[in-house]
């Protein structure tokens, strides 16, 4: 695997943080890759997709709590 800068990537672990209007989401010790040249941290595509799904789900649930409006619709299933 190679970074966009051309550097090699090594296995490691990192954390991810997302802040939205009504919550902050932190995941630690995620398998990641770090570029030895520029230091950039990269996650696999599968990991990124899973994180996005979690953030979207949490965002829906938090909005329901904050607004009192149900976030579940028939088209969610």
C-alpha atoms as a PDB file:
ATOM      1  CA  UNK A   1       0.000   0.000   0.000  1.00  0.00           C
ATOM      2  CA  UNK A   2       1.229   3.490  -0.801  1.00  0.00           C
ATOM      3  CA  UNK A   3       0.266   7.017   0.284  1.00  0.00           C
ATOM      4  CA  UNK A   4      -0.723   9.714  -2.217  1.00  0.00           C
ATOM      5  CA  UNK A   5       2.643  11.396  -1.506  1.00  0.00           C
ATOM      6  CA  UNK A   6       4.459   8.253  -2.627  1.00  0.00           C
ATOM      7  CA  UNK A   7       5.517   7.131   0.844  1.00  0.00           C
ATOM      8  CA  UNK A   8       5.060   3.628   2.180  1.00  0.00           C
ATOM      9  CA  UNK A   9       2.355   2.880   4.735  1.00  0.00           C
ATOM     10  CA  UNK A  10       2.974   0.937   7.929  1.00  0.00           C
ATOM     11  CA  UNK A  11       0.414  -0.798  10.131  1.00  0.00           C
ATOM     12  CA  UNK A  12      -0.633   0.902  13.309  1.00  0.00           C
ATOM     13  CA  UNK A  13      -3.591   2.166  15.291  1.00  0.00           C
ATOM     14  CA  UNK A  14      -5.271   5.531  15.467  1.00  0.00           C
ATOM     15  CA  UNK A  15      -8.425   7.209  16.681  1.00  0.00           C
ATOM     16  CA  UNK A  16     -11.271   8.956  14.887  1.00  0.00           C
ATOM     17  CA  UNK A  17     -13.303  11.903  16.110  1.00  0.00           C
ATOM     18  CA  UNK A  18     -16.454  13.407  14.613  1.00  0.00           C
ATOM     19  CA  UNK A  19     -18.188  16.486  16.005  1.00  0.00           C
ATOM     20  CA  UNK A  20     -21.692  17.381  14.929  1.00  0.00           C
ATOM     21  CA  UNK A  21     -24.205  19.914  16.253  1.00  0.00           C
ATOM     22  CA  UNK A  22     -25.363  17.858  19.225  1.00  0.00           C
ATOM     23  CA  UNK A  23     -22.688  15.227  19.835  1.00  0.00           C
ATOM     24  CA  UNK A  24     -19.038  14.286  19.714  1.00  0.00           C
ATOM     25  CA  UNK A  25     -18.102  10.753  18.610  1.00  0.00           C
ATOM     26  CA  UNK A  26     -14.684   9.244  19.373  1.00  0.00           C
ATOM     27  CA  UNK A  27     -13.422   5.783  18.448  1.00  0.00           C
ATOM     28  CA  UNK A  28      -9.997   4.735  19.681  1.00  0.00           C
ATOM     29  CA  UNK A  29      -7.545   1.979  18.743  1.00  0.00           C
ATOM     30  CA  UNK A  30      -8.747   1.581  15.157  1.00  0.00           C
ATOM     31  CA  UNK A  31      -6.504  -0.368  12.811  1.00  0.00           C
ATOM     32  CA  UNK A  32      -4.899   2.247  10.564  1.00  0.00           C
ATOM     33  CA  UNK A  33      -1.970   2.904   8.289  1.00  0.00           C
ATOM     34  CA  UNK A  34       0.565   5.709   8.678  1.00  0.00           C
ATOM     35  CA  UNK A  35       2.739   7.104   5.935  1.00  0.00           C
ATOM     36  CA  UNK A  36       6.437   6.990   6.817  1.00  0.00           C
ATOM     37  CA  UNK A  37       7.096  10.004   4.562  1.00  0.00           C
ATOM     38  CA  UNK A  38       4.370  12.550   5.413  1.00  0.00           C
ATOM     39  CA  UNK A  39       2.814  11.040   8.564  1.00  0.00           C
ATOM     40  CA  UNK A  40      -0.702  10.930   7.095  1.00  0.00           C
ATOM     41  CA  UNK A  41      -3.087   8.457   8.778  1.00  0.00           C
ATOM     42  CA  UNK A  42      -5.324   6.350   6.529  1.00  0.00           C
ATOM     43  CA  UNK A  43      -8.091   3.867   7.285  1.00  0.00           C
ATOM     44  CA  UNK A  44      -9.246   1.047   5.033  1.00  0.00           C
ATOM     45  CA  UNK A  45     -12.326   1.711   2.902  1.00  0.00           C
ATOM     46  CA  UNK A  46     -14.278  -0.859   4.936  1.00  0.00           C
ATOM     47  CA  UNK A  47     -13.408   0.923   8.190  1.00  0.00           C
ATOM     48  CA  UNK A  48     -14.378   4.317   6.757  1.00  0.00           C
ATOM     49  CA  UNK A  49     -17.754   2.956   5.614  1.00  0.00           C
ATOM     50  CA  UNK A  50     -18.451   1.437   9.046  1.00  0.00           C
ATOM     51  CA  UNK A  51     -17.551   4.688  10.806  1.00  0.00           C
ATOM     52  CA  UNK A  52     -19.818   6.688   8.464  1.00  0.00           C
ATOM     53  CA  UNK A  53     -22.730   4.317   9.182  1.00  0.00           C
ATOM     54  CA  UNK A  54     -22.200   4.653  12.940  1.00  0.00           C
ATOM     55  CA  UNK A  55     -22.010   8.447  12.788  1.00  0.00           C
ATOM     56  CA  UNK A  56     -25.180   8.643  10.657  1.00  0.00           C
ATOM     57  CA  UNK A  57     -27.066   6.336  13.020  1.00  0.00           C
ATOM     58  CA  UNK A  58     -25.960   8.260  16.095  1.00  0.00           C
ATOM     59  CA  UNK A  59     -26.866  11.549  14.416  1.00  0.00           C
ATOM     60  CA  UNK A  60     -30.417  10.307  13.723  1.00  0.00           C
ATOM     61  CA  UNK A  61     -30.849   9.061  17.293  1.00  0.00           C
ATOM     62  CA  UNK A  62     -29.447  12.251  18.833  1.00  0.00           C
ATOM     63  CA  UNK A  63     -31.701  14.426  16.677  1.00  0.00           C
ATOM     64  CA  UNK A  64     -34.671  12.388  17.890  1.00  0.00           C
ATOM     65  CA  UNK A  65     -33.661  12.983  21.500  1.00  0.00           C
ATOM     66  CA  UNK A  66     -33.018  16.707  20.995  1.00  0.00           C
ATOM     67  CA  UNK A  67     -36.100  17.494  18.893  1.00  0.00           C
ATOM     68  CA  UNK A  68     -38.487  14.880  20.281  1.00  0.00           C
ATOM     69  CA  UNK A  69     -39.379  13.928  16.701  1.00  0.00           C
ATOM     70  CA  UNK A  70     -39.038  10.228  15.774  1.00  0.00           C
ATOM     71  CA  UNK A  71     -36.298   9.588  13.233  1.00  0.00           C
ATOM     72  CA  UNK A  72     -37.595   6.184  12.132  1.00  0.00           C
ATOM     73  CA  UNK A  73     -39.485   6.034   8.892  1.00  0.00           C
ATOM     74  CA  UNK A  74     -40.748   3.067   6.925  1.00  0.00           C
ATOM     75  CA  UNK A  75     -38.128   3.716   4.220  1.00  0.00           C
ATOM     76  CA  UNK A  76     -35.338   3.270   6.812  1.00  0.00           C
ATOM     77  CA  UNK A  77     -35.918  -0.483   6.662  1.00  0.00           C
END
